[in-house]
Amino acid sequence: MSEKEQTINQYFQLSDQASKSQAALHSIIELFADDAEIFSATGETCAGTKAITNFFTDFFNRNVKLKHLCHVFMADNHYKAEWAVSGQKKTGDLFALHGYDTYEFDSTNHIKYLKVTIAN
């Protein structure tokens, strides 16, 4: 498994912990380059460490419990992950989603681009 694939798998593992662990939240943020960009499935976008920190802090405050499964692969010269997640929102509502992430990395193997898409 390449370092980039390991980073993607780590991202999903940490996402399952970050609602309850500040250390996991901090570790997720450290996976991203300082000038990284995120394009979420809900249309939110953010760029840079401060905006990414705010994005993930808000996300894990809204979603209090998550469980991901993922499969990492290469397509069109990009690293991608097919994922499924079940979770519980802060309101108590339960949800399940299936989607795809597209990643680009910088020269130090930090995520510089993440686009999240919900499958139809």
PDB file of N, CA and C in Angstrom:
ATOM      1  N   MET A   1       0.854  -1.179   0.000  1.00  0.00           N
ATOM      2  CA  MET A   1       0.000   0.000   0.000  1.00  0.00           C
ATOM      3  C   MET A   1       0.900   1.242   0.000  1.00  0.00           C
ATOM      4  N   SER A   2       0.602   2.180  -0.875  1.00  0.00           N
ATOM      5  CA  SER A   2       1.406   3.397  -0.973  1.00  0.00           C
ATOM      6  C   SER A   2       1.129   4.319   0.217  1.00  0.00           C
ATOM      7  N   GLU A   3       2.019   5.287   0.397  1.00  0.00           N
ATOM      8  CA  GLU A   3       1.838   6.258   1.483  1.00  0.00           C
ATOM      9  C   GLU A   3       0.549   7.066   1.287  1.00  0.00           C
ATOM     10  N   LYS A   4       0.224   7.369   0.049  1.00  0.00           N
ATOM     11  CA  LYS A   4      -1.005   8.123  -0.224  1.00  0.00           C
ATOM     12  C   LYS A   4      -2.238   7.292   0.133  1.00  0.00           C
ATOM     13  N   GLU A   5      -2.224   6.015  -0.213  1.00  0.00           N
ATOM     14  CA  GLU A   5      -3.340   5.133   0.163  1.00  0.00           C
ATOM     15  C   GLU A   5      -3.453   5.025   1.683  1.00  0.00           C
ATOM     16  N   GLN A   6      -2.326   4.947   2.361  1.00  0.00           N
ATOM     17  CA  GLN A   6      -2.333   4.898   3.824  1.00  0.00           C
ATOM     18  C   GLN A   6      -2.930   6.170   4.406  1.00  0.00           C
ATOM     19  N   THR A   7      -2.592   7.319   3.806  1.00  0.00           N
ATOM     20  CA  THR A   7      -3.138   8.595   4.270  1.00  0.00           C
ATOM     21  C   THR A   7      -4.657   8.616   4.125  1.00  0.00           C
ATOM     22  N   ILE A   8      -5.161   8.140   2.999  1.00  0.00           N
ATOM     23  CA  ILE A   8      -6.612   8.117   2.783  1.00  0.00           C
ATOM     24  C   ILE A   8      -7.287   7.192   3.789  1.00  0.00           C
ATOM     25  N   ASN A   9      -6.735   6.011   3.990  1.00  0.00           N
ATOM     26  CA  ASN A   9      -7.309   5.094   4.983  1.00  0.00           C
ATOM     27  C   ASN A   9      -7.265   5.691   6.384  1.00  0.00           C
ATOM     28  N   GLN A  10      -6.174   6.367   6.703  1.00  0.00           N
ATOM     29  CA  GLN A  10      -6.061   7.021   8.006  1.00  0.00           C
ATOM     30  C   GLN A  10      -7.121   8.114   8.152  1.00  0.00           C
ATOM     31  N   TYR A  11      -7.367   8.863   7.092  1.00  0.00           N
ATOM     32  CA  TYR A  11      -8.395   9.907   7.096  1.00  0.00           C
ATOM     33  C   TYR A  11      -9.759   9.325   7.500  1.00  0.00           C
ATOM     34  N   PHE A  12     -10.120   8.193   6.931  1.00  0.00           N
ATOM     35  CA  PHE A  12     -11.407   7.579   7.269  1.00  0.00           C
ATOM     36  C   PHE A  12     -11.411   7.006   8.686  1.00  0.00           C
ATOM     37  N   GLN A  13     -10.317   6.388   9.100  1.00  0.00           N
ATOM     38  CA  GLN A  13     -10.239   5.856  10.467  1.00  0.00           C
ATOM     39  C   GLN A  13     -10.356   6.975  11.494  1.00  0.00           C
ATOM     40  N   LEU A  14      -9.648   8.065  11.266  1.00  0.00           N
ATOM     41  CA  LEU A  14      -9.713   9.204  12.185  1.00  0.00           C
ATOM     42  C   LEU A  14     -11.095   9.854  12.172  1.00  0.00           C
ATOM     43  N   SER A  15     -11.756   9.852  11.015  1.00  0.00           N
ATOM     44  CA  SER A  15     -13.101  10.432  10.922  1.00  0.00           C
ATOM     45  C   SER A  15     -14.093   9.705  11.824  1.00  0.00           C
ATOM     46  N   ASP A  16     -13.875   8.420  12.042  1.00  0.00           N
ATOM     47  CA  ASP A  16     -14.748   7.663  12.940  1.00  0.00           C
ATOM     48  C   ASP A  16     -14.517   8.026  14.403  1.00  0.00           C
ATOM     49  N   GLN A  17     -13.396   8.646  14.714  1.00  0.00           N
ATOM     50  CA  GLN A  17     -13.041   8.978  16.095  1.00  0.00           C
ATOM     51  C   GLN A  17     -13.178  10.465  16.423  1.00  0.00           C
ATOM     52  N   ALA A  18     -13.156  11.317  15.420  1.00  0.00           N
ATOM     53  CA  ALA A  18     -12.987  12.756  15.626  1.00  0.00           C
ATOM     54  C   ALA A  18     -14.155  13.443  16.323  1.00  0.00           C
ATOM     55  N   SER A  19     -15.343  12.855  16.311  1.00  0.00           N
ATOM     56  CA  SER A  19     -16.473  13.455  17.028  1.00  0.00           C
ATOM     57  C   SER A  19     -16.258  13.401  18.535  1.00  0.00           C
ATOM     58  N   LYS A  20     -15.460  12.441  18.971  1.00  0.00           N
ATOM     59  CA  LYS A  20     -15.240  12.239  20.404  1.00  0.00           C
ATOM     60  C   LYS A  20     -13.803  12.520  20.834  1.00  0.00           C
ATOM     61  N   SER A  21     -12.915  12.814  19.887  1.00  0.00           N
ATOM     62  CA  SER A  21     -11.491  12.943  20.201  1.00  0.00           C
ATOM     63  C   SER A  21     -10.877  14.165  19.525  1.00  0.00           C
ATOM     64  N   GLN A  22     -10.434  15.123  20.328  1.00  0.00           N
ATOM     65  CA  GLN A  22      -9.738  16.290  19.784  1.00  0.00           C
ATOM     66  C   GLN A  22      -8.426  15.885  19.116  1.00  0.00           C
ATOM     67  N   ALA A  23      -7.770  14.853  19.653  1.00  0.00           N
ATOM     68  CA  ALA A  23      -6.514  14.377  19.062  1.00  0.00           C
ATOM     69  C   ALA A  23      -6.757  13.850  17.652  1.00  0.00           C
ATOM     70  N   ALA A  24      -7.841  13.102  17.453  1.00  0.00           N
ATOM     71  CA  ALA A  24      -8.176  12.589  16.122  1.00  0.00           C
ATOM     72  C   ALA A  24      -8.514  13.739  15.177  1.00  0.00           C
ATOM     73  N   LEU A  25      -9.266  14.722  15.661  1.00  0.00           N
ATOM     74  CA  LEU A  25      -9.602  15.893  14.848  1.00  0.00           C
ATOM     75  C   LEU A  25      -8.321  16.607  14.412  1.00  0.00           C
ATOM     76  N   HIS A  26      -7.411  16.821  15.348  1.00  0.00           N
ATOM     77  CA  HIS A  26      -6.139  17.479  15.046  1.00  0.00           C
ATOM     78  C   HIS A  26      -5.339  16.660  14.022  1.00  0.00           C
ATOM     79  N   SER A  27      -5.353  15.344  14.173  1.00  0.00           N
ATOM     80  CA  SER A  27      -4.619  14.474  13.247  1.00  0.00           C
ATOM     81  C   SER A  27      -5.189  14.537  11.837  1.00  0.00           C
ATOM     82  N   ILE A  28      -6.516  14.649  11.716  1.00  0.00           N
ATOM     83  CA  ILE A  28      -7.129  14.803  10.386  1.00  0.00           C
ATOM     84  C   ILE A  28      -6.620  16.079   9.729  1.00  0.00           C
ATOM     85  N   ILE A  29      -6.639  17.168  10.466  1.00  0.00           N
ATOM     86  CA  ILE A  29      -6.214  18.461   9.917  1.00  0.00           C
ATOM     87  C   ILE A  29      -4.756  18.394   9.466  1.00  0.00           C
ATOM     88  N   GLU A  30      -3.927  17.660  10.193  1.00  0.00           N
ATOM     89  CA  GLU A  30      -2.509  17.533   9.836  1.00  0.00           C
ATOM     90  C   GLU A  30      -2.283  16.715   8.563  1.00  0.00           C
ATOM     91  N   LEU A  31      -3.282  15.970   8.112  1.00  0.00           N
ATOM     92  CA  LEU A  31      -3.160  15.228   6.855  1.00  0.00           C
ATOM     93  C   LEU A  31      -3.204  16.150   5.638  1.00  0.00           C
ATOM     94  N   PHE A  32      -3.661  17.396   5.835  1.00  0.00           N
ATOM     95  CA  PHE A  32      -3.866  18.338   4.741  1.00  0.00           C
ATOM     96  C   PHE A  32      -2.711  19.331   4.629  1.00  0.00           C
ATOM     97  N   ALA A  33      -2.383  19.694   3.394  1.00  0.00           N
ATOM     98  CA  ALA A  33      -1.391  20.739   3.133  1.00  0.00           C
ATOM     99  C   ALA A  33      -1.935  22.080   3.623  1.00  0.00           C
ATOM    100  N   ASP A  34      -1.033  23.013   3.906  1.00  0.00           N
ATOM    101  CA  ASP A  34      -1.440  24.334   4.404  1.00  0.00           C
ATOM    102  C   ASP A  34      -2.346  25.073   3.427  1.00  0.00           C
ATOM    103  N   ASP A  35      -2.186  24.815   2.130  1.00  0.00           N
ATOM    104  CA  ASP A  35      -2.983  25.501   1.109  1.00  0.00           C
ATOM    105  C   ASP A  35      -4.028  24.582   0.470  1.00  0.00           C
ATOM    106  N   ALA A  36      -4.393  23.529   1.171  1.00  0.00           N
ATOM    107  CA  ALA A  36      -5.345  22.547   0.636  1.00  0.00           C
ATOM    108  C   ALA A  36      -6.715  23.164   0.387  1.00  0.00           C
ATOM    109  N   GLU A  37      -7.450  22.528  -0.517  1.00  0.00           N
ATOM    110  CA  GLU A  37      -8.827  22.916  -0.823  1.00  0.00           C
ATOM    111  C   GLU A  37      -9.734  21.712  -0.631  1.00  0.00           C
ATOM    112  N   ILE A  38     -10.912  21.965  -0.051  1.00  0.00           N
ATOM    113  CA  ILE A  38     -11.930  20.929   0.118  1.00  0.00           C
ATOM    114  C   ILE A  38     -13.209  21.401  -0.556  1.00  0.00           C
ATOM    115  N   PHE A  39     -13.812  20.498  -1.321  1.00  0.00           N
ATOM    116  CA  PHE A  39     -15.098  20.734  -1.966  1.00  0.00           C
ATOM    117  C   PHE A  39     -16.036  19.650  -1.451  1.00  0.00           C
ATOM    118  N   SER A  40     -16.952  20.026  -0.565  1.00  0.00           N
ATOM    119  CA  SER A  40     -17.823  19.033   0.074  1.00  0.00           C
ATOM    120  C   SER A  40     -19.008  18.689  -0.816  1.00  0.00           C
ATOM    121  N   ALA A  41     -19.664  17.596  -0.493  1.00  0.00           N
ATOM    122  CA  ALA A  41     -20.834  17.149  -1.250  1.00  0.00           C
ATOM    123  C   ALA A  41     -22.027  18.079  -1.062  1.00  0.00           C
ATOM    124  N   THR A  42     -22.004  18.890  -0.018  1.00  0.00           N
ATOM    125  CA  THR A  42     -23.110  19.818   0.239  1.00  0.00           C
ATOM    126  C   THR A  42     -22.876  21.189  -0.384  1.00  0.00           C
ATOM    127  N   GLY A  43     -21.770  21.330  -1.132  1.00  0.00           N
ATOM    128  CA  GLY A  43     -21.484  22.594  -1.790  1.00  0.00           C
ATOM    129  C   GLY A  43     -20.574  23.512  -0.997  1.00  0.00           C
ATOM    130  N   GLU A  44     -20.217  23.122   0.220  1.00  0.00           N
ATOM    131  CA  GLU A  44     -19.283  23.928   1.000  1.00  0.00           C
ATOM    132  C   GLU A  44     -17.895  23.805   0.388  1.00  0.00           C
ATOM    133  N   THR A  45     -17.148  24.896   0.404  1.00  0.00           N
ATOM    134  CA  THR A  45     -15.757  24.865  -0.020  1.00  0.00           C
ATOM    135  C   THR A  45     -14.917  25.571   1.029  1.00  0.00           C
ATOM    136  N   CYS A  46     -13.686  25.134   1.158  1.00  0.00           N
ATOM    137  CA  CYS A  46     -12.777  25.823   2.062  1.00  0.00           C
ATOM    138  C   CYS A  46     -11.357  25.625   1.568  1.00  0.00           C
ATOM    139  N   ALA A  47     -10.502  26.576   1.902  1.00  0.00           N
ATOM    140  CA  ALA A  47      -9.099  26.524   1.494  1.00  0.00           C
ATOM    141  C   ALA A  47      -8.243  27.072   2.622  1.00  0.00           C
ATOM    142  N   GLY A  48      -7.128  26.403   2.870  1.00  0.00           N
ATOM    143  CA  GLY A  48      -6.202  26.844   3.905  1.00  0.00           C
ATOM    144  C   GLY A  48      -6.498  26.210   5.253  1.00  0.00           C
ATOM    145  N   THR A  49      -5.483  26.187   6.087  1.00  0.00           N
ATOM    146  CA  THR A  49      -5.563  25.483   7.368  1.00  0.00           C
ATOM    147  C   THR A  49      -6.675  26.004   8.272  1.00  0.00           C
ATOM    148  N   LYS A  50      -6.820  27.318   8.388  1.00  0.00           N
ATOM    149  CA  LYS A  50      -7.843  27.870   9.285  1.00  0.00           C
ATOM    150  C   LYS A  50      -9.247  27.469   8.830  1.00  0.00           C
ATOM    151  N   ALA A  51      -9.524  27.614   7.547  1.00  0.00           N
ATOM    152  CA  ALA A  51     -10.847  27.266   7.019  1.00  0.00           C
ATOM    153  C   ALA A  51     -11.101  25.764   7.126  1.00  0.00           C
ATOM    154  N   ILE A  52     -10.072  24.954   6.886  1.00  0.00           N
ATOM    155  CA  ILE A  52     -10.222  23.502   6.991  1.00  0.00           C
ATOM    156  C   ILE A  52     -10.462  23.093   8.439  1.00  0.00           C
ATOM    157  N   THR A  53      -9.770  23.731   9.363  1.00  0.00           N
ATOM    158  CA  THR A  53      -9.995  23.465  10.792  1.00  0.00           C
ATOM    159  C   THR A  53     -11.436  23.783  11.167  1.00  0.00           C
ATOM    160  N   ASN A  54     -11.936  24.931  10.737  1.00  0.00           N
ATOM    161  CA  ASN A  54     -13.327  25.309  11.024  1.00  0.00           C
ATOM    162  C   ASN A  54     -14.308  24.335  10.382  1.00  0.00           C
ATOM    163  N   PHE A  55     -14.037  23.933   9.144  1.00  0.00           N
ATOM    164  CA  PHE A  55     -14.907  23.003   8.428  1.00  0.00           C
ATOM    165  C   PHE A  55     -15.043  21.694   9.199  1.00  0.00           C
ATOM    166  N   PHE A  56     -13.911  21.093   9.573  1.00  0.00           N
ATOM    167  CA  PHE A  56     -13.963  19.805  10.261  1.00  0.00           C
ATOM    168  C   PHE A  56     -14.507  19.933  11.682  1.00  0.00           C
ATOM    169  N   THR A  57     -14.197  21.018  12.366  1.00  0.00           N
ATOM    170  CA  THR A  57     -14.750  21.228  13.707  1.00  0.00           C
ATOM    171  C   THR A  57     -16.270  21.279  13.637  1.00  0.00           C
ATOM    172  N   ASP A  58     -16.805  22.049  12.703  1.00  0.00           N
ATOM    173  CA  ASP A  58     -18.262  22.132  12.529  1.00  0.00           C
ATOM    174  C   ASP A  58     -18.850  20.780  12.128  1.00  0.00           C
ATOM    175  N   PHE A  59     -18.188  20.090  11.204  1.00  0.00           N
ATOM    176  CA  PHE A  59     -18.683  18.801  10.722  1.00  0.00           C
ATOM    177  C   PHE A  59     -18.790  17.793  11.865  1.00  0.00           C
ATOM    178  N   PHE A  60     -17.751  17.693  12.680  1.00  0.00           N
ATOM    179  CA  PHE A  60     -17.766  16.697  13.751  1.00  0.00           C
ATOM    180  C   PHE A  60     -18.595  17.140  14.951  1.00  0.00           C
ATOM    181  N   ASN A  61     -18.928  18.412  15.046  1.00  0.00           N
ATOM    182  CA  ASN A  61     -19.902  18.856  16.049  1.00  0.00           C
ATOM    183  C   ASN A  61     -21.325  18.493  15.627  1.00  0.00           C
ATOM    184  N   ARG A  62     -21.603  18.514  14.319  1.00  0.00           N
ATOM    185  CA  ARG A  62     -22.935  18.152  13.796  1.00  0.00           C
ATOM    186  C   ARG A  62     -23.167  16.649  13.806  1.00  0.00           C
ATOM    187  N   ASN A  63     -22.112  15.889  13.589  1.00  0.00           N
ATOM    188  CA  ASN A  63     -22.198  14.432  13.458  1.00  0.00           C
ATOM    189  C   ASN A  63     -21.465  13.794  14.630  1.00  0.00           C
ATOM    190  N   VAL A  64     -22.227  13.265  15.588  1.00  0.00           N
ATOM    191  CA  VAL A  64     -21.630  12.824  16.851  1.00  0.00           C
ATOM    192  C   VAL A  64     -21.134  11.385  16.832  1.00  0.00           C
ATOM    193  N   LYS A  65     -21.530  10.623  15.822  1.00  0.00           N
ATOM    194  CA  LYS A  65     -21.073   9.240  15.716  1.00  0.00           C
ATOM    195  C   LYS A  65     -21.036   8.860  14.245  1.00  0.00           C
ATOM    196  N   LEU A  66     -19.889   8.309  13.801  1.00  0.00           N
ATOM    197  CA  LEU A  66     -19.716   7.924  12.405  1.00  0.00           C
ATOM    198  C   LEU A  66     -19.017   6.580  12.310  1.00  0.00           C
ATOM    199  N   LYS A  67     -19.366   5.816  11.280  1.00  0.00           N
ATOM    200  CA  LYS A  67     -18.671   4.569  10.967  1.00  0.00           C
ATOM    201  C   LYS A  67     -18.532   4.478   9.451  1.00  0.00           C
ATOM    202  N   HIS A  68     -17.287   4.507   8.984  1.00  0.00           N
ATOM    203  CA  HIS A  68     -16.988   4.470   7.555  1.00  0.00           C
ATOM    204  C   HIS A  68     -16.441   3.117   7.122  1.00  0.00           C
ATOM    205  N   LEU A  69     -16.748   2.754   5.901  1.00  0.00           N
ATOM    206  CA  LEU A  69     -16.059   1.704   5.160  1.00  0.00           C
ATOM    207  C   LEU A  69     -15.548   2.376   3.895  1.00  0.00           C
ATOM    208  N   CYS A  70     -14.352   2.001   3.443  1.00  0.00           N
ATOM    209  CA  CYS A  70     -13.849   2.629   2.219  1.00  0.00           C
ATOM    210  C   CYS A  70     -12.981   1.672   1.428  1.00  0.00           C
ATOM    211  N   HIS A  71     -12.901   1.963   0.140  1.00  0.00           N
ATOM    212  CA  HIS A  71     -12.049   1.226  -0.796  1.00  0.00           C
ATOM    213  C   HIS A  71     -11.282   2.270  -1.602  1.00  0.00           C
ATOM    214  N   VAL A  72      -9.950   2.254  -1.510  1.00  0.00           N
ATOM    215  CA  VAL A  72      -9.099   3.229  -2.193  1.00  0.00           C
ATOM    216  C   VAL A  72      -8.622   2.632  -3.519  1.00  0.00           C
ATOM    217  N   PHE A  73      -8.643   3.454  -4.573  1.00  0.00           N
ATOM    218  CA  PHE A  73      -8.204   2.999  -5.890  1.00  0.00           C
ATOM    219  C   PHE A  73      -7.709   4.183  -6.713  1.00  0.00           C
ATOM    220  N   MET A  74      -7.074   3.878  -7.846  1.00  0.00           N
ATOM    221  CA  MET A  74      -6.616   4.904  -8.785  1.00  0.00           C
ATOM    222  C   MET A  74      -7.554   4.933  -9.988  1.00  0.00           C
ATOM    223  N   ALA A  75      -7.886   6.137 -10.438  1.00  0.00           N
ATOM    224  CA  ALA A  75      -8.682   6.321 -11.656  1.00  0.00           C
ATOM    225  C   ALA A  75      -8.350   7.692 -12.231  1.00  0.00           C
ATOM    226  N   ASP A  76      -8.148   7.752 -13.523  1.00  0.00           N
ATOM    227  CA  ASP A  76      -7.836   9.019 -14.196  1.00  0.00           C
ATOM    228  C   ASP A  76      -6.656   9.735 -13.547  1.00  0.00           C
ATOM    229  N   ASN A  77      -5.637   8.972 -13.149  1.00  0.00           N
ATOM    230  CA  ASN A  77      -4.428   9.515 -12.518  1.00  0.00           C
ATOM    231  C   ASN A  77      -4.694  10.226 -11.197  1.00  0.00           C
ATOM    232  N   HIS A  78      -5.790   9.900 -10.536  1.00  0.00           N
ATOM    233  CA  HIS A  78      -6.107  10.453  -9.218  1.00  0.00           C
ATOM    234  C   HIS A  78      -6.360   9.315  -8.239  1.00  0.00           C
ATOM    235  N   TYR A  79      -6.031   9.580  -6.993  1.00  0.00           N
ATOM    236  CA  TYR A  79      -6.438   8.650  -5.946  1.00  0.00           C
ATOM    237  C   TYR A  79      -7.899   8.923  -5.637  1.00  0.00           C
ATOM    238  N   LYS A  80      -8.665   7.849  -5.512  1.00  0.00           N
ATOM    239  CA  LYS A  80     -10.091   7.964  -5.210  1.00  0.00           C
ATOM    240  C   LYS A  80     -10.437   6.980  -4.107  1.00  0.00           C
ATOM    241  N   ALA A  81     -11.528   7.264  -3.445  1.00  0.00           N
ATOM    242  CA  ALA A  81     -12.044   6.337  -2.439  1.00  0.00           C
ATOM    243  C   ALA A  81     -13.545   6.228  -2.617  1.00  0.00           C
ATOM    244  N   GLU A  82     -14.014   5.003  -2.730  1.00  0.00           N
ATOM    245  CA  GLU A  82     -15.451   4.754  -2.639  1.00  0.00           C
ATOM    246  C   GLU A  82     -15.719   4.490  -1.169  1.00  0.00           C
ATOM    247  N   TRP A  83     -16.752   5.115  -0.629  1.00  0.00           N
ATOM    248  CA  TRP A  83     -17.012   4.978   0.801  1.00  0.00           C
ATOM    249  C   TRP A  83     -18.501   4.840   1.080  1.00  0.00           C
ATOM    250  N   ALA A  84     -18.761   4.286   2.241  1.00  0.00           N
ATOM    251  CA  ALA A  84     -20.112   4.242   2.804  1.00  0.00           C
ATOM    252  C   ALA A  84     -19.967   4.664   4.257  1.00  0.00           C
ATOM    253  N   VAL A  85     -20.952   5.399   4.746  1.00  0.00           N
ATOM    254  CA  VAL A  85     -20.912   5.852   6.137  1.00  0.00           C
ATOM    255  C   VAL A  85     -22.304   5.736   6.738  1.00  0.00           C
ATOM    256  N   SER A  86     -22.345   5.321   7.971  1.00  0.00           N
ATOM    257  CA  SER A  86     -23.573   5.432   8.758  1.00  0.00           C
ATOM    258  C   SER A  86     -23.229   6.330   9.931  1.00  0.00           C
ATOM    259  N   GLY A  87     -24.207   7.079  10.379  1.00  0.00           N
ATOM    260  CA  GLY A  87     -23.905   8.020  11.447  1.00  0.00           C
ATOM    261  C   GLY A  87     -25.127   8.496  12.185  1.00  0.00           C
ATOM    262  N   GLN A  88     -24.826   9.275  13.216  1.00  0.00           N
ATOM    263  CA  GLN A  88     -25.865   9.897  14.024  1.00  0.00           C
ATOM    264  C   GLN A  88     -25.538  11.374  14.162  1.00  0.00           C
ATOM    265  N   LYS A  89     -26.520  12.204  13.851  1.00  0.00           N
ATOM    266  CA  LYS A  89     -26.364  13.649  13.982  1.00  0.00           C
ATOM    267  C   LYS A  89     -26.566  14.073  15.440  1.00  0.00           C
ATOM    268  N   LYS A  90     -26.149  15.280  15.747  1.00  0.00           N
ATOM    269  CA  LYS A  90     -26.303  15.841  17.090  1.00  0.00           C
ATOM    270  C   LYS A  90     -27.776  15.844  17.515  1.00  0.00           C
ATOM    271  N   THR A  91     -28.681  15.959  16.546  1.00  0.00           N
ATOM    272  CA  THR A  91     -30.122  15.970  16.815  1.00  0.00           C
ATOM    273  C   THR A  91     -30.659  14.592  17.194  1.00  0.00           C
ATOM    274  N   GLY A  92     -29.828  13.554  16.983  1.00  0.00           N
ATOM    275  CA  GLY A  92     -30.266  12.181  17.218  1.00  0.00           C
ATOM    276  C   GLY A  92     -30.673  11.463  15.950  1.00  0.00           C
ATOM    277  N   ASP A  93     -30.857  12.210  14.856  1.00  0.00           N
ATOM    278  CA  ASP A  93     -31.238  11.602  13.578  1.00  0.00           C
ATOM    279  C   ASP A  93     -30.128  10.686  13.069  1.00  0.00           C
ATOM    280  N   LEU A  94     -30.534   9.548  12.514  1.00  0.00           N
ATOM    281  CA  LEU A  94     -29.599   8.602  11.916  1.00  0.00           C
ATOM    282  C   LEU A  94     -29.543   8.821  10.408  1.00  0.00           C
ATOM    283  N   PHE A  95     -28.396   8.490   9.791  1.00  0.00           N
ATOM    284  CA  PHE A  95     -28.271   8.619   8.340  1.00  0.00           C
ATOM    285  C   PHE A  95     -27.290   7.587   7.804  1.00  0.00           C
ATOM    286  N   ALA A  96     -27.385   7.340   6.506  1.00  0.00           N
ATOM    287  CA  ALA A  96     -26.438   6.479   5.791  1.00  0.00           C
ATOM    288  C   ALA A  96     -26.226   7.086   4.407  1.00  0.00           C
ATOM    289  N   LEU A  97     -24.969   7.134   3.977  1.00  0.00           N
ATOM    290  CA  LEU A  97     -24.620   7.702   2.680  1.00  0.00           C
ATOM    291  C   LEU A  97     -23.577   6.831   1.993  1.00  0.00           C
ATOM    292  N   HIS A  98     -23.530   6.948   0.671  1.00  0.00           N
ATOM    293  CA  HIS A  98     -22.545   6.251  -0.156  1.00  0.00           C
ATOM    294  C   HIS A  98     -21.981   7.286  -1.119  1.00  0.00           C
ATOM    295  N   GLY A  99     -20.670   7.289  -1.297  1.00  0.00           N
ATOM    296  CA  GLY A  99     -20.105   8.281  -2.189  1.00  0.00           C
ATOM    297  C   GLY A  99     -18.678   7.996  -2.593  1.00  0.00           C
ATOM    298  N   TYR A 100     -18.072   9.016  -3.189  1.00  0.00           N
ATOM    299  CA  TYR A 100     -16.711   8.925  -3.710  1.00  0.00           C
ATOM    300  C   TYR A 100     -15.945  10.186  -3.345  1.00  0.00           C
ATOM    301  N   ASP A 101     -14.678  10.013  -3.006  1.00  0.00           N
ATOM    302  CA  ASP A 101     -13.763  11.130  -2.793  1.00  0.00           C
ATOM    303  C   ASP A 101     -12.705  11.092  -3.882  1.00  0.00           C
ATOM    304  N   THR A 102     -12.267  12.266  -4.312  1.00  0.00           N
ATOM    305  CA  THR A 102     -11.143  12.401  -5.227  1.00  0.00           C
ATOM    306  C   THR A 102     -10.066  13.205  -4.511  1.00  0.00           C
ATOM    307  N   TYR A 103      -8.824  12.714  -4.572  1.00  0.00           N
ATOM    308  CA  TYR A 103      -7.714  13.318  -3.842  1.00  0.00           C
ATOM    309  C   TYR A 103      -6.580  13.696  -4.779  1.00  0.00           C
ATOM    310  N   GLU A 104      -5.900  14.787  -4.438  1.00  0.00           N
ATOM    311  CA  GLU A 104      -4.597  15.122  -5.000  1.00  0.00           C
ATOM    312  C   GLU A 104      -3.679  15.391  -3.818  1.00  0.00           C
ATOM    313  N   PHE A 105      -2.386  15.108  -4.007  1.00  0.00           N
ATOM    314  CA  PHE A 105      -1.408  15.239  -2.937  1.00  0.00           C
ATOM    315  C   PHE A 105      -0.285  16.178  -3.346  1.00  0.00           C
ATOM    316  N   ASP A 106       0.339  16.817  -2.347  1.00  0.00           N
ATOM    317  CA  ASP A 106       1.520  17.626  -2.632  1.00  0.00           C
ATOM    318  C   ASP A 106       2.767  16.741  -2.589  1.00  0.00           C
ATOM    319  N   SER A 107       3.928  17.341  -2.740  1.00  0.00           N
ATOM    320  CA  SER A 107       5.183  16.575  -2.808  1.00  0.00           C
ATOM    321  C   SER A 107       5.552  15.917  -1.481  1.00  0.00           C
ATOM    322  N   THR A 108       4.911  16.338  -0.385  1.00  0.00           N
ATOM    323  CA  THR A 108       5.176  15.730   0.928  1.00  0.00           C
ATOM    324  C   THR A 108       4.069  14.757   1.330  1.00  0.00           C
ATOM    325  N   ASN A 109       3.230  14.386   0.366  1.00  0.00           N
ATOM    326  CA  ASN A 109       2.126  13.433   0.567  1.00  0.00           C
ATOM    327  C   ASN A 109       1.038  13.935   1.505  1.00  0.00           C
ATOM    328  N   HIS A 110       0.896  15.257   1.596  1.00  0.00           N
ATOM    329  CA  HIS A 110      -0.254  15.839   2.290  1.00  0.00           C
ATOM    330  C   HIS A 110      -1.371  16.045   1.266  1.00  0.00           C
ATOM    331  N   ILE A 111      -2.601  15.916   1.712  1.00  0.00           N
ATOM    332  CA  ILE A 111      -3.745  16.123   0.820  1.00  0.00           C
ATOM    333  C   ILE A 111      -3.805  17.604   0.448  1.00  0.00           C
ATOM    334  N   LYS A 112      -3.798  17.897  -0.856  1.00  0.00           N
ATOM    335  CA  LYS A 112      -3.907  19.294  -1.287  1.00  0.00           C
ATOM    336  C   LYS A 112      -5.262  19.587  -1.932  1.00  0.00           C
ATOM    337  N   TYR A 113      -6.003  18.519  -2.251  1.00  0.00           N
ATOM    338  CA  TYR A 113      -7.307  18.674  -2.907  1.00  0.00           C
ATOM    339  C   TYR A 113      -8.171  17.492  -2.502  1.00  0.00           C
ATOM    340  N   LEU A 114      -9.375  17.797  -2.048  1.00  0.00           N
ATOM    341  CA  LEU A 114     -10.358  16.757  -1.726  1.00  0.00           C
ATOM    342  C   LEU A 114     -11.710  17.203  -2.255  1.00  0.00           C
ATOM    343  N   LYS A 115     -12.296  16.364  -3.104  1.00  0.00           N
ATOM    344  CA  LYS A 115     -13.660  16.605  -3.591  1.00  0.00           C
ATOM    345  C   LYS A 115     -14.506  15.415  -3.175  1.00  0.00           C
ATOM    346  N   VAL A 116     -15.607  15.698  -2.482  1.00  0.00           N
ATOM    347  CA  VAL A 116     -16.523  14.667  -1.990  1.00  0.00           C
ATOM    348  C   VAL A 116     -17.780  14.693  -2.849  1.00  0.00           C
ATOM    349  N   THR A 117     -18.190  13.519  -3.324  1.00  0.00           N
ATOM    350  CA  THR A 117     -19.379  13.388  -4.162  1.00  0.00           C
ATOM    351  C   THR A 117     -20.262  12.287  -3.595  1.00  0.00           C
ATOM    352  N   ILE A 118     -21.555  12.564  -3.464  1.00  0.00           N
ATOM    353  CA  ILE A 118     -22.515  11.550  -3.029  1.00  0.00           C
ATOM    354  C   ILE A 118     -22.952  10.764  -4.263  1.00  0.00           C
ATOM    355  N   ALA A 119     -22.970   9.436  -4.156  1.00  0.00           N
ATOM    356  CA  ALA A 119     -23.395   8.583  -5.268  1.00  0.00           C
ATOM    357  C   ALA A 119     -24.894   8.722  -5.488  1.00  0.00           C
ATOM    358  N   ASN A 120     -25.311   8.576  -6.736  1.00  0.00           N
ATOM    359  CA  ASN A 120     -26.748   8.646  -7.071  1.00  0.00           C
ATOM    360  C   ASN A 120     -27.424   7.325  -6.818  1.00  0.00           C
TER     361      ASN A 120
END
